[in-house]
Amino acid sequence: MAKNNQWKKLDGLVFSTNPDLNLEPEQEDIETLPPAQQRLRIWLDRKQRKGKAVTLITGFEGSEDDMKALAKSLKTYCGVGGSAKDFEIIVQGDQRDKALKYLLDKGYSQTKKSGG
């Protein structure tokens, strides 16, 4: 039997007689702020990662596609893996200095290290 992801979007709804029922989620158009107005924070995180350090970049305001594009270019620059989800960019290892230099060069002037 094939997996059917249709049930996930119903959110527990079994039956409805409402003819105007719209099951499609509303898409919010989030405008991405220009790099100079982004307030990014770079910090080192080891929590729930079995002691392995990751560089966490938070504070990105914009669309998820733009965040993923920034994450991909940052990971390529640092030469490591990572991910972008929940409006956080995760880069493997302690890459705080490289990430800060890269973001400042790209015009993210309000970027700074935080968290000790």
PDB file of N, CA and C in Angstrom:
ATOM      1  N   MET A   1       0.837  -1.167   0.000  1.00  0.00           N
ATOM      2  CA  MET A   1       0.000   0.000   0.000  1.00  0.00           C
ATOM      3  C   MET A   1       0.894   1.246   0.000  1.00  0.00           C
ATOM      4  N   ALA A   2       0.604   2.182  -0.868  1.00  0.00           N
ATOM      5  CA  ALA A   2       1.395   3.395  -0.990  1.00  0.00           C
ATOM      6  C   ALA A   2       1.096   4.336   0.174  1.00  0.00           C
ATOM      7  N   LYS A   3       2.114   5.100   0.566  1.00  0.00           N
ATOM      8  CA  LYS A   3       1.909   6.084   1.623  1.00  0.00           C
ATOM      9  C   LYS A   3       1.046   7.214   1.089  1.00  0.00           C
ATOM     10  N   ASN A   4       0.149   7.684   1.908  1.00  0.00           N
ATOM     11  CA  ASN A   4      -0.750   8.743   1.503  1.00  0.00           C
ATOM     12  C   ASN A   4      -0.570   9.914   2.465  1.00  0.00           C
ATOM     13  N   ASN A   5       0.117  10.955   2.019  1.00  0.00           N
ATOM     14  CA  ASN A   5       0.379  12.118   2.864  1.00  0.00           C
ATOM     15  C   ASN A   5      -0.816  13.056   2.918  1.00  0.00           C
ATOM     16  N   GLN A   6      -1.880  12.713   2.235  1.00  0.00           N
ATOM     17  CA  GLN A   6      -3.068  13.544   2.217  1.00  0.00           C
ATOM     18  C   GLN A   6      -3.676  13.649   3.615  1.00  0.00           C
ATOM     19  N   TRP A   7      -3.584  12.615   4.424  1.00  0.00           N
ATOM     20  CA  TRP A   7      -4.200  12.605   5.740  1.00  0.00           C
ATOM     21  C   TRP A   7      -3.506  13.535   6.718  1.00  0.00           C
ATOM     22  N   LYS A   8      -2.241  13.824   6.503  1.00  0.00           N
ATOM     23  CA  LYS A   8      -1.526  14.703   7.428  1.00  0.00           C
ATOM     24  C   LYS A   8      -2.094  16.114   7.397  1.00  0.00           C
ATOM     25  N   LYS A   9      -2.503  16.575   6.234  1.00  0.00           N
ATOM     26  CA  LYS A   9      -2.996  17.942   6.145  1.00  0.00           C
ATOM     27  C   LYS A   9      -4.430  18.094   6.641  1.00  0.00           C
ATOM     28  N   LEU A  10      -5.131  16.990   6.871  1.00  0.00           N
ATOM     29  CA  LEU A  10      -6.495  17.068   7.375  1.00  0.00           C
ATOM     30  C   LEU A  10      -6.542  17.409   8.853  1.00  0.00           C
ATOM     31  N   ASP A  11      -5.477  17.181   9.577  1.00  0.00           N
ATOM     32  CA  ASP A  11      -5.362  17.555  10.984  1.00  0.00           C
ATOM     33  C   ASP A  11      -6.500  16.977  11.825  1.00  0.00           C
ATOM     34  N   GLY A  12      -6.787  15.694  11.644  1.00  0.00           N
ATOM     35  CA  GLY A  12      -7.787  15.022  12.451  1.00  0.00           C
ATOM     36  C   GLY A  12      -9.207  15.119  11.918  1.00  0.00           C
ATOM     37  N   LEU A  13      -9.423  15.858  10.841  1.00  0.00           N
ATOM     38  CA  LEU A  13     -10.756  15.992  10.275  1.00  0.00           C
ATOM     39  C   LEU A  13     -11.157  14.698   9.577  1.00  0.00           C
ATOM     40  N   VAL A  14     -12.321  14.184   9.902  1.00  0.00           N
ATOM     41  CA  VAL A  14     -12.797  12.942   9.315  1.00  0.00           C
ATOM     42  C   VAL A  14     -13.874  13.206   8.278  1.00  0.00           C
ATOM     43  N   PHE A  15     -14.835  14.078   8.596  1.00  0.00           N
ATOM     44  CA  PHE A  15     -15.951  14.307   7.706  1.00  0.00           C
ATOM     45  C   PHE A  15     -16.466  15.725   7.919  1.00  0.00           C
ATOM     46  N   SER A  16     -16.883  16.380   6.834  1.00  0.00           N
ATOM     47  CA  SER A  16     -17.458  17.709   6.943  1.00  0.00           C
ATOM     48  C   SER A  16     -18.520  17.897   5.872  1.00  0.00           C
ATOM     49  N   THR A  17     -19.611  18.566   6.230  1.00  0.00           N
ATOM     50  CA  THR A  17     -20.660  18.877   5.266  1.00  0.00           C
ATOM     51  C   THR A  17     -20.546  20.306   4.761  1.00  0.00           C
ATOM     52  N   ASN A  18     -19.516  21.018   5.168  1.00  0.00           N
ATOM     53  CA  ASN A  18     -19.315  22.401   4.764  1.00  0.00           C
ATOM     54  C   ASN A  18     -18.836  22.442   3.314  1.00  0.00           C
ATOM     55  N   PRO A  19     -19.619  23.010   2.387  1.00  0.00           N
ATOM     56  CA  PRO A  19     -19.181  23.054   0.987  1.00  0.00           C
ATOM     57  C   PRO A  19     -18.052  24.062   0.752  1.00  0.00           C
ATOM     58  N   ASP A  20     -17.841  24.995   1.678  1.00  0.00           N
ATOM     59  CA  ASP A  20     -16.796  26.010   1.524  1.00  0.00           C
ATOM     60  C   ASP A  20     -15.506  25.619   2.234  1.00  0.00           C
ATOM     61  N   LEU A  21     -15.394  24.398   2.666  1.00  0.00           N
ATOM     62  CA  LEU A  21     -14.218  23.948   3.398  1.00  0.00           C
ATOM     63  C   LEU A  21     -13.002  23.943   2.480  1.00  0.00           C
ATOM     64  N   ASN A  22     -11.954  24.586   2.912  1.00  0.00           N
ATOM     65  CA  ASN A  22     -10.713  24.649   2.142  1.00  0.00           C
ATOM     66  C   ASN A  22      -9.640  23.910   2.922  1.00  0.00           C
ATOM     67  N   LEU A  23      -9.142  22.819   2.369  1.00  0.00           N
ATOM     68  CA  LEU A  23      -8.145  22.012   3.065  1.00  0.00           C
ATOM     69  C   LEU A  23      -6.717  22.436   2.759  1.00  0.00           C
ATOM     70  N   GLU A  24      -6.541  23.332   1.824  1.00  0.00           N
ATOM     71  CA  GLU A  24      -5.200  23.798   1.483  1.00  0.00           C
ATOM     72  C   GLU A  24      -4.743  24.820   2.519  1.00  0.00           C
ATOM     73  N   PRO A  25      -3.527  24.671   3.041  1.00  0.00           N
ATOM     74  CA  PRO A  25      -3.038  25.646   4.018  1.00  0.00           C
ATOM     75  C   PRO A  25      -2.778  26.990   3.357  1.00  0.00           C
ATOM     76  N   GLU A  26      -3.014  28.038   4.090  1.00  0.00           N
ATOM     77  CA  GLU A  26      -2.782  29.377   3.562  1.00  0.00           C
ATOM     78  C   GLU A  26      -1.285  29.657   3.525  1.00  0.00           C
ATOM     79  N   GLN A  27      -0.816  30.121   2.397  1.00  0.00           N
ATOM     80  CA  GLN A  27       0.598  30.438   2.235  1.00  0.00           C
ATOM     81  C   GLN A  27       0.825  31.899   2.611  1.00  0.00           C
ATOM     82  N   GLU A  28       1.737  32.113   3.510  1.00  0.00           N
ATOM     83  CA  GLU A  28       2.091  33.474   3.893  1.00  0.00           C
ATOM     84  C   GLU A  28       3.283  33.916   3.059  1.00  0.00           C
ATOM     85  N   ASP A  29       3.156  35.070   2.433  1.00  0.00           N
ATOM     86  CA  ASP A  29       4.272  35.611   1.671  1.00  0.00           C
ATOM     87  C   ASP A  29       5.145  36.420   2.611  1.00  0.00           C
ATOM     88  N   ILE A  30       6.284  35.864   2.945  1.00  0.00           N
ATOM     89  CA  ILE A  30       7.206  36.519   3.858  1.00  0.00           C
ATOM     90  C   ILE A  30       8.264  37.220   3.021  1.00  0.00           C
ATOM     91  N   GLU A  31       8.388  38.518   3.232  1.00  0.00           N
ATOM     92  CA  GLU A  31       9.406  39.269   2.509  1.00  0.00           C
ATOM     93  C   GLU A  31      10.730  39.112   3.224  1.00  0.00           C
ATOM     94  N   THR A  32      11.765  38.885   2.443  1.00  0.00           N
ATOM     95  CA  THR A  32      13.093  38.765   3.016  1.00  0.00           C
ATOM     96  C   THR A  32      13.691  40.157   3.164  1.00  0.00           C
ATOM     97  N   LEU A  33      14.147  40.448   4.370  1.00  0.00           N
ATOM     98  CA  LEU A  33      14.785  41.740   4.611  1.00  0.00           C
ATOM     99  C   LEU A  33      16.116  41.797   3.875  1.00  0.00           C
ATOM    100  N   PRO A  34      16.549  42.999   3.477  1.00  0.00           N
ATOM    101  CA  PRO A  34      17.874  43.108   2.861  1.00  0.00           C
ATOM    102  C   PRO A  34      18.960  42.704   3.862  1.00  0.00           C
ATOM    103  N   PRO A  35      20.104  42.259   3.356  1.00  0.00           N
ATOM    104  CA  PRO A  35      21.166  41.796   4.270  1.00  0.00           C
ATOM    105  C   PRO A  35      21.575  42.818   5.328  1.00  0.00           C
ATOM    106  N   ALA A  36      21.566  44.095   5.006  1.00  0.00           N
ATOM    107  CA  ALA A  36      21.996  45.109   5.975  1.00  0.00           C
ATOM    108  C   ALA A  36      21.030  45.230   7.148  1.00  0.00           C
ATOM    109  N   GLN A  37      19.778  44.800   6.969  1.00  0.00           N
ATOM    110  CA  GLN A  37      18.784  44.910   8.032  1.00  0.00           C
ATOM    111  C   GLN A  37      18.594  43.615   8.815  1.00  0.00           C
ATOM    112  N   GLN A  38      19.242  42.546   8.413  1.00  0.00           N
ATOM    113  CA  GLN A  38      19.138  41.270   9.112  1.00  0.00           C
ATOM    114  C   GLN A  38      19.973  41.328  10.394  1.00  0.00           C
ATOM    115  N   ARG A  39      19.414  40.842  11.492  1.00  0.00           N
ATOM    116  CA  ARG A  39      20.133  40.797  12.768  1.00  0.00           C
ATOM    117  C   ARG A  39      20.416  39.334  13.092  1.00  0.00           C
ATOM    118  N   LEU A  40      21.532  38.850  12.586  1.00  0.00           N
ATOM    119  CA  LEU A  40      21.884  37.448  12.770  1.00  0.00           C
ATOM    120  C   LEU A  40      22.792  37.278  13.973  1.00  0.00           C
ATOM    121  N   ARG A  41      22.627  36.160  14.666  1.00  0.00           N
ATOM    122  CA  ARG A  41      23.459  35.807  15.808  1.00  0.00           C
ATOM    123  C   ARG A  41      24.112  34.466  15.515  1.00  0.00           C
ATOM    124  N   ILE A  42      25.404  34.380  15.787  1.00  0.00           N
ATOM    125  CA  ILE A  42      26.168  33.157  15.556  1.00  0.00           C
ATOM    126  C   ILE A  42      26.628  32.644  16.904  1.00  0.00           C
ATOM    127  N   TRP A  43      26.323  31.387  17.202  1.00  0.00           N
ATOM    128  CA  TRP A  43      26.769  30.820  18.459  1.00  0.00           C
ATOM    129  C   TRP A  43      27.030  29.338  18.326  1.00  0.00           C
ATOM    130  N   LEU A  44      27.803  28.830  19.262  1.00  0.00           N
ATOM    131  CA  LEU A  44      28.198  27.421  19.288  1.00  0.00           C
ATOM    132  C   LEU A  44      27.205  26.659  20.150  1.00  0.00           C
ATOM    133  N   ASP A  45      26.766  25.502  19.656  1.00  0.00           N
ATOM    134  CA  ASP A  45      25.764  24.723  20.373  1.00  0.00           C
ATOM    135  C   ASP A  45      26.221  23.273  20.457  1.00  0.00           C
ATOM    136  N   ARG A  46      26.054  22.677  21.638  1.00  0.00           N
ATOM    137  CA  ARG A  46      26.373  21.257  21.836  1.00  0.00           C
ATOM    138  C   ARG A  46      25.193  20.492  22.425  1.00  0.00           C
ATOM    139  N   LYS A  47      24.111  21.159  22.695  1.00  0.00           N
ATOM    140  CA  LYS A  47      22.974  20.523  23.363  1.00  0.00           C
ATOM    141  C   LYS A  47      22.285  19.527  22.445  1.00  0.00           C
ATOM    142  N   GLN A  48      21.964  18.386  22.972  1.00  0.00           N
ATOM    143  CA  GLN A  48      21.258  17.301  22.287  1.00  0.00           C
ATOM    144  C   GLN A  48      21.963  16.861  21.009  1.00  0.00           C
ATOM    145  N   ARG A  49      23.282  16.959  21.002  1.00  0.00           N
ATOM    146  CA  ARG A  49      24.056  16.540  19.833  1.00  0.00           C
ATOM    147  C   ARG A  49      25.202  15.604  20.229  1.00  0.00           C
ATOM    148  N   LYS A  50      25.049  14.939  21.366  1.00  0.00           N
ATOM    149  CA  LYS A  50      26.038  13.992  21.881  1.00  0.00           C
ATOM    150  C   LYS A  50      27.421  14.617  22.015  1.00  0.00           C
ATOM    151  N   GLY A  51      27.481  15.876  22.405  1.00  0.00           N
ATOM    152  CA  GLY A  51      28.741  16.555  22.638  1.00  0.00           C
ATOM    153  C   GLY A  51      29.400  17.129  21.410  1.00  0.00           C
ATOM    154  N   LYS A  52      28.858  16.891  20.241  1.00  0.00           N
ATOM    155  CA  LYS A  52      29.440  17.418  19.011  1.00  0.00           C
ATOM    156  C   LYS A  52      29.008  18.865  18.832  1.00  0.00           C
ATOM    157  N   ALA A  53      29.946  19.701  18.463  1.00  0.00           N
ATOM    158  CA  ALA A  53      29.681  21.131  18.328  1.00  0.00           C
ATOM    159  C   ALA A  53      29.124  21.453  16.947  1.00  0.00           C
ATOM    160  N   VAL A  54      28.164  22.357  16.914  1.00  0.00           N
ATOM    161  CA  VAL A  54      27.649  22.901  15.670  1.00  0.00           C
ATOM    162  C   VAL A  54      27.575  24.414  15.811  1.00  0.00           C
ATOM    163  N   THR A  55      27.715  25.102  14.690  1.00  0.00           N
ATOM    164  CA  THR A  55      27.545  26.543  14.655  1.00  0.00           C
ATOM    165  C   THR A  55      26.102  26.820  14.289  1.00  0.00           C
ATOM    166  N   LEU A  56      25.436  27.594  15.115  1.00  0.00           N
ATOM    167  CA  LEU A  56      24.017  27.877  14.939  1.00  0.00           C
ATOM    168  C   LEU A  56      23.855  29.351  14.590  1.00  0.00           C
ATOM    169  N   ILE A  57      23.159  29.636  13.500  1.00  0.00           N
ATOM    170  CA  ILE A  57      22.921  31.009  13.072  1.00  0.00           C
ATOM    171  C   ILE A  57      21.420  31.249  13.151  1.00  0.00           C
ATOM    172  N   THR A  58      21.023  32.181  13.982  1.00  0.00           N
ATOM    173  CA  THR A  58      19.606  32.456  14.209  1.00  0.00           C
ATOM    174  C   THR A  58      19.298  33.907  13.874  1.00  0.00           C
ATOM    175  N   GLY A  59      18.012  34.200  13.781  1.00  0.00           N
ATOM    176  CA  GLY A  59      17.571  35.574  13.575  1.00  0.00           C
ATOM    177  C   GLY A  59      17.274  35.925  12.132  1.00  0.00           C
ATOM    178  N   PHE A  60      17.309  34.953  11.220  1.00  0.00           N
ATOM    179  CA  PHE A  60      17.037  35.251   9.817  1.00  0.00           C
ATOM    180  C   PHE A  60      15.562  35.562   9.639  1.00  0.00           C
ATOM    181  N   GLU A  61      15.258  36.670   8.977  1.00  0.00           N
ATOM    182  CA  GLU A  61      13.881  37.062   8.721  1.00  0.00           C
ATOM    183  C   GLU A  61      13.660  37.082   7.219  1.00  0.00           C
ATOM    184  N   GLY A  62      12.854  36.143   6.752  1.00  0.00           N
ATOM    185  CA  GLY A  62      12.568  36.091   5.330  1.00  0.00           C
ATOM    186  C   GLY A  62      11.995  34.747   4.948  1.00  0.00           C
ATOM    187  N   SER A  63      11.967  34.500   3.651  1.00  0.00           N
ATOM    188  CA  SER A  63      11.378  33.259   3.165  1.00  0.00           C
ATOM    189  C   SER A  63      12.312  32.087   3.426  1.00  0.00           C
ATOM    190  N   GLU A  64      11.720  30.921   3.489  1.00  0.00           N
ATOM    191  CA  GLU A  64      12.500  29.722   3.764  1.00  0.00           C
ATOM    192  C   GLU A  64      13.448  29.395   2.611  1.00  0.00           C
ATOM    193  N   ASP A  65      13.045  29.705   1.382  1.00  0.00           N
ATOM    194  CA  ASP A  65      13.913  29.456   0.228  1.00  0.00           C
ATOM    195  C   ASP A  65      15.166  30.316   0.281  1.00  0.00           C
ATOM    196  N   ASP A  66      15.016  31.589   0.675  1.00  0.00           N
ATOM    197  CA  ASP A  66      16.177  32.469   0.792  1.00  0.00           C
ATOM    198  C   ASP A  66      17.107  32.002   1.908  1.00  0.00           C
ATOM    199  N   MET A  67      16.522  31.523   3.004  1.00  0.00           N
ATOM    200  CA  MET A  67      17.340  31.025   4.103  1.00  0.00           C
ATOM    201  C   MET A  67      18.119  29.777   3.677  1.00  0.00           C
ATOM    202  N   LYS A  68      17.458  28.886   2.931  1.00  0.00           N
ATOM    203  CA  LYS A  68      18.137  27.679   2.470  1.00  0.00           C
ATOM    204  C   LYS A  68      19.250  28.005   1.481  1.00  0.00           C
ATOM    205  N   ALA A  69      19.037  29.025   0.640  1.00  0.00           N
ATOM    206  CA  ALA A  69      20.079  29.439  -0.301  1.00  0.00           C
ATOM    207  C   ALA A  69      21.291  30.002   0.452  1.00  0.00           C
ATOM    208  N   LEU A  70      21.033  30.813   1.484  1.00  0.00           N
ATOM    209  CA  LEU A  70      22.126  31.346   2.297  1.00  0.00           C
ATOM    210  C   LEU A  70      22.845  30.225   3.021  1.00  0.00           C
ATOM    211  N   ALA A  71      22.107  29.266   3.555  1.00  0.00           N
ATOM    212  CA  ALA A  71      22.712  28.137   4.264  1.00  0.00           C
ATOM    213  C   ALA A  71      23.595  27.324   3.319  1.00  0.00           C
ATOM    214  N   LYS A  72      23.133  27.099   2.104  1.00  0.00           N
ATOM    215  CA  LYS A  72      23.911  26.313   1.151  1.00  0.00           C
ATOM    216  C   LYS A  72      25.219  27.011   0.794  1.00  0.00           C
ATOM    217  N   SER A  73      25.153  28.308   0.549  1.00  0.00           N
ATOM    218  CA  SER A  73      26.382  29.029   0.209  1.00  0.00           C
ATOM    219  C   SER A  73      27.333  29.101   1.400  1.00  0.00           C
ATOM    220  N   LEU A  74      26.785  29.216   2.607  1.00  0.00           N
ATOM    221  CA  LEU A  74      27.616  29.254   3.812  1.00  0.00           C
ATOM    222  C   LEU A  74      28.292  27.913   4.059  1.00  0.00           C
ATOM    223  N   LYS A  75      27.551  26.820   3.874  1.00  0.00           N
ATOM    224  CA  LYS A  75      28.130  25.488   4.059  1.00  0.00           C
ATOM    225  C   LYS A  75      29.204  25.219   3.019  1.00  0.00           C
ATOM    226  N   THR A  76      28.984  25.670   1.794  1.00  0.00           N
ATOM    227  CA  THR A  76      29.982  25.506   0.742  1.00  0.00           C
ATOM    228  C   THR A  76      31.243  26.293   1.082  1.00  0.00           C
ATOM    229  N   TYR A  77      31.075  27.514   1.572  1.00  0.00           N
ATOM    230  CA  TYR A  77      32.221  28.342   1.939  1.00  0.00           C
ATOM    231  C   TYR A  77      33.036  27.696   3.065  1.00  0.00           C
ATOM    232  N   CYS A  78      32.345  27.154   4.053  1.00  0.00           N
ATOM    233  CA  CYS A  78      33.030  26.541   5.188  1.00  0.00           C
ATOM    234  C   CYS A  78      33.536  25.134   4.870  1.00  0.00           C
ATOM    235  N   GLY A  79      33.008  24.514   3.836  1.00  0.00           N
ATOM    236  CA  GLY A  79      33.446  23.175   3.450  1.00  0.00           C
ATOM    237  C   GLY A  79      32.934  22.083   4.372  1.00  0.00           C
ATOM    238  N   VAL A  80      31.750  22.288   4.935  1.00  0.00           N
ATOM    239  CA  VAL A  80      31.169  21.309   5.858  1.00  0.00           C
ATOM    240  C   VAL A  80      29.702  21.105   5.528  1.00  0.00           C
ATOM    241  N   GLY A  81      29.048  20.201   6.233  1.00  0.00           N
ATOM    242  CA  GLY A  81      27.630  19.950   6.059  1.00  0.00           C
ATOM    243  C   GLY A  81      26.812  20.758   7.031  1.00  0.00           C
ATOM    244  N   GLY A  82      25.529  20.546   6.980  1.00  0.00           N
ATOM    245  CA  GLY A  82      24.632  21.245   7.881  1.00  0.00           C
ATOM    246  C   GLY A  82      23.221  21.184   7.366  1.00  0.00           C
ATOM    247  N   SER A  83      22.365  22.041   7.914  1.00  0.00           N
ATOM    248  CA  SER A  83      20.978  22.071   7.480  1.00  0.00           C
ATOM    249  C   SER A  83      20.390  23.443   7.764  1.00  0.00           C
ATOM    250  N   ALA A  84      19.180  23.655   7.239  1.00  0.00           N
ATOM    251  CA  ALA A  84      18.444  24.894   7.475  1.00  0.00           C
ATOM    252  C   ALA A  84      16.992  24.519   7.725  1.00  0.00           C
ATOM    253  N   LYS A  85      16.551  24.716   8.955  1.00  0.00           N
ATOM    254  CA  LYS A  85      15.165  24.419   9.296  1.00  0.00           C
ATOM    255  C   LYS A  85      14.765  25.236  10.513  1.00  0.00           C
ATOM    256  N   ASP A  86      13.475  25.449  10.665  1.00  0.00           N
ATOM    257  CA  ASP A  86      12.924  26.220  11.786  1.00  0.00           C
ATOM    258  C   ASP A  86      13.578  27.594  11.902  1.00  0.00           C
ATOM    259  N   PHE A  87      13.892  28.199  10.776  1.00  0.00           N
ATOM    260  CA  PHE A  87      14.527  29.509  10.699  1.00  0.00           C
ATOM    261  C   PHE A  87      15.838  29.568  11.474  1.00  0.00           C
ATOM    262  N   GLU A  88      16.577  28.463  11.451  1.00  0.00           N
ATOM    263  CA  GLU A  88      17.923  28.383  11.995  1.00  0.00           C
ATOM    264  C   GLU A  88      18.811  27.713  10.950  1.00  0.00           C
ATOM    265  N   ILE A  89      20.021  28.210  10.844  1.00  0.00           N
ATOM    266  CA  ILE A  89      21.002  27.590   9.958  1.00  0.00           C
ATOM    267  C   ILE A  89      21.989  26.856  10.849  1.00  0.00           C
ATOM    268  N   ILE A  90      22.162  25.563  10.591  1.00  0.00           N
ATOM    269  CA  ILE A  90      23.061  24.734  11.387  1.00  0.00           C
ATOM    270  C   ILE A  90      24.234  24.335  10.495  1.00  0.00           C
ATOM    271  N   VAL A  91      25.447  24.662  10.938  1.00  0.00           N
ATOM    272  CA  VAL A  91      26.666  24.310  10.215  1.00  0.00           C
ATOM    273  C   VAL A  91      27.484  23.409  11.124  1.00  0.00           C
ATOM    274  N   GLN A  92      27.941  22.281  10.613  1.00  0.00           N
ATOM    275  CA  GLN A  92      28.663  21.319  11.438  1.00  0.00           C
ATOM    276  C   GLN A  92      30.016  21.877  11.867  1.00  0.00           C
ATOM    277  N   GLY A  93      30.350  21.645  13.125  1.00  0.00           N
ATOM    278  CA  GLY A  93      31.650  22.044  13.666  1.00  0.00           C
ATOM    279  C   GLY A  93      31.650  23.473  14.172  1.00  0.00           C
ATOM    280  N   ASP A  94      32.782  23.867  14.735  1.00  0.00           N
ATOM    281  CA  ASP A  94      32.959  25.224  15.245  1.00  0.00           C
ATOM    282  C   ASP A  94      33.432  26.106  14.090  1.00  0.00           C
ATOM    283  N   GLN A  95      32.505  26.696  13.383  1.00  0.00           N
ATOM    284  CA  GLN A  95      32.793  27.519  12.210  1.00  0.00           C
ATOM    285  C   GLN A  95      32.391  28.972  12.449  1.00  0.00           C
ATOM    286  N   ARG A  96      32.406  29.416  13.708  1.00  0.00           N
ATOM    287  CA  ARG A  96      31.913  30.757  14.034  1.00  0.00           C
ATOM    288  C   ARG A  96      32.698  31.854  13.340  1.00  0.00           C
ATOM    289  N   ASP A  97      34.020  31.751  13.339  1.00  0.00           N
ATOM    290  CA  ASP A  97      34.831  32.807  12.733  1.00  0.00           C
ATOM    291  C   ASP A  97      34.650  32.861  11.217  1.00  0.00           C
ATOM    292  N   LYS A  98      34.641  31.697  10.574  1.00  0.00           N
ATOM    293  CA  LYS A  98      34.434  31.653   9.124  1.00  0.00           C
ATOM    294  C   LYS A  98      33.048  32.169   8.756  1.00  0.00           C
ATOM    295  N   ALA A  99      32.039  31.753   9.518  1.00  0.00           N
ATOM    296  CA  ALA A  99      30.667  32.177   9.237  1.00  0.00           C
ATOM    297  C   ALA A  99      30.523  33.686   9.415  1.00  0.00           C
ATOM    298  N   LEU A 100      31.134  34.230  10.457  1.00  0.00           N
ATOM    299  CA  LEU A 100      31.061  35.667  10.697  1.00  0.00           C
ATOM    300  C   LEU A 100      31.725  36.435   9.562  1.00  0.00           C
ATOM    301  N   LYS A 101      32.907  35.992   9.141  1.00  0.00           N
ATOM    302  CA  LYS A 101      33.618  36.655   8.046  1.00  0.00           C
ATOM    303  C   LYS A 101      32.801  36.596   6.766  1.00  0.00           C
ATOM    304  N   TYR A 102      32.233  35.431   6.457  1.00  0.00           N
ATOM    305  CA  TYR A 102      31.450  35.259   5.238  1.00  0.00           C
ATOM    306  C   TYR A 102      30.214  36.161   5.239  1.00  0.00           C
ATOM    307  N   LEU A 103      29.491  36.185   6.354  1.00  0.00           N
ATOM    308  CA  LEU A 103      28.268  36.977   6.419  1.00  0.00           C
ATOM    309  C   LEU A 103      28.554  38.474   6.370  1.00  0.00           C
ATOM    310  N   LEU A 104      29.627  38.901   7.004  1.00  0.00           N
ATOM    311  CA  LEU A 104      29.996  40.314   6.931  1.00  0.00           C
ATOM    312  C   LEU A 104      30.397  40.701   5.513  1.00  0.00           C
ATOM    313  N   ASP A 105      31.096  39.811   4.814  1.00  0.00           N
ATOM    314  CA  ASP A 105      31.479  40.082   3.423  1.00  0.00           C
ATOM    315  C   ASP A 105      30.257  40.132   2.502  1.00  0.00           C
ATOM    316  N   LYS A 106      29.219  39.385   2.835  1.00  0.00           N
ATOM    317  CA  LYS A 106      27.997  39.356   2.029  1.00  0.00           C
ATOM    318  C   LYS A 106      27.068  40.531   2.328  1.00  0.00           C
ATOM    319  N   GLY A 107      27.410  41.375   3.290  1.00  0.00           N
ATOM    320  CA  GLY A 107      26.611  42.558   3.577  1.00  0.00           C
ATOM    321  C   GLY A 107      25.718  42.453   4.798  1.00  0.00           C
ATOM    322  N   TYR A 108      25.816  41.358   5.541  1.00  0.00           N
ATOM    323  CA  TYR A 108      25.037  41.212   6.771  1.00  0.00           C
ATOM    324  C   TYR A 108      25.785  41.930   7.888  1.00  0.00           C
ATOM    325  N   SER A 109      25.666  43.263   7.913  1.00  0.00           N
ATOM    326  CA  SER A 109      26.493  44.087   8.790  1.00  0.00           C
ATOM    327  C   SER A 109      26.096  44.005  10.264  1.00  0.00           C
ATOM    328  N   GLN A 110      24.884  43.564  10.573  1.00  0.00           N
ATOM    329  CA  GLN A 110      24.448  43.493  11.966  1.00  0.00           C
ATOM    330  C   GLN A 110      24.633  42.093  12.538  1.00  0.00           C
ATOM    331  N   THR A 111      25.533  41.316  11.952  1.00  0.00           N
ATOM    332  CA  THR A 111      25.812  39.969  12.424  1.00  0.00           C
ATOM    333  C   THR A 111      26.877  40.018  13.499  1.00  0.00           C
ATOM    334  N   LYS A 112      26.686  39.237  14.558  1.00  0.00           N
ATOM    335  CA  LYS A 112      27.705  39.165  15.588  1.00  0.00           C
ATOM    336  C   LYS A 112      27.659  37.830  16.299  1.00  0.00           C
ATOM    337  N   LYS A 113      28.780  37.501  16.929  1.00  0.00           N
ATOM    338  CA  LYS A 113      28.844  36.289  17.745  1.00  0.00           C
ATOM    339  C   LYS A 113      28.138  36.548  19.057  1.00  0.00           C
ATOM    340  N   SER A 114      27.518  35.516  19.580  1.00  0.00           N
ATOM    341  CA  SER A 114      26.880  35.654  20.885  1.00  0.00           C
ATOM    342  C   SER A 114      27.002  34.349  21.639  1.00  0.00           C
ATOM    343  N   GLY A 115      26.731  34.408  22.921  1.00  0.00           N
ATOM    344  CA  GLY A 115      26.712  33.198  23.733  1.00  0.00           C
ATOM    345  C   GLY A 115      28.058  32.766  24.258  1.00  0.00           C
ATOM    346  N   GLY A 116      28.841  33.669  24.776  1.00  0.00           N
ATOM    347  CA  GLY A 116      30.067  33.302  25.470  1.00  0.00           C
ATOM    348  C   GLY A 116      31.103  32.843  24.605  1.00  0.00           C
TER     349      GLY A 116
END
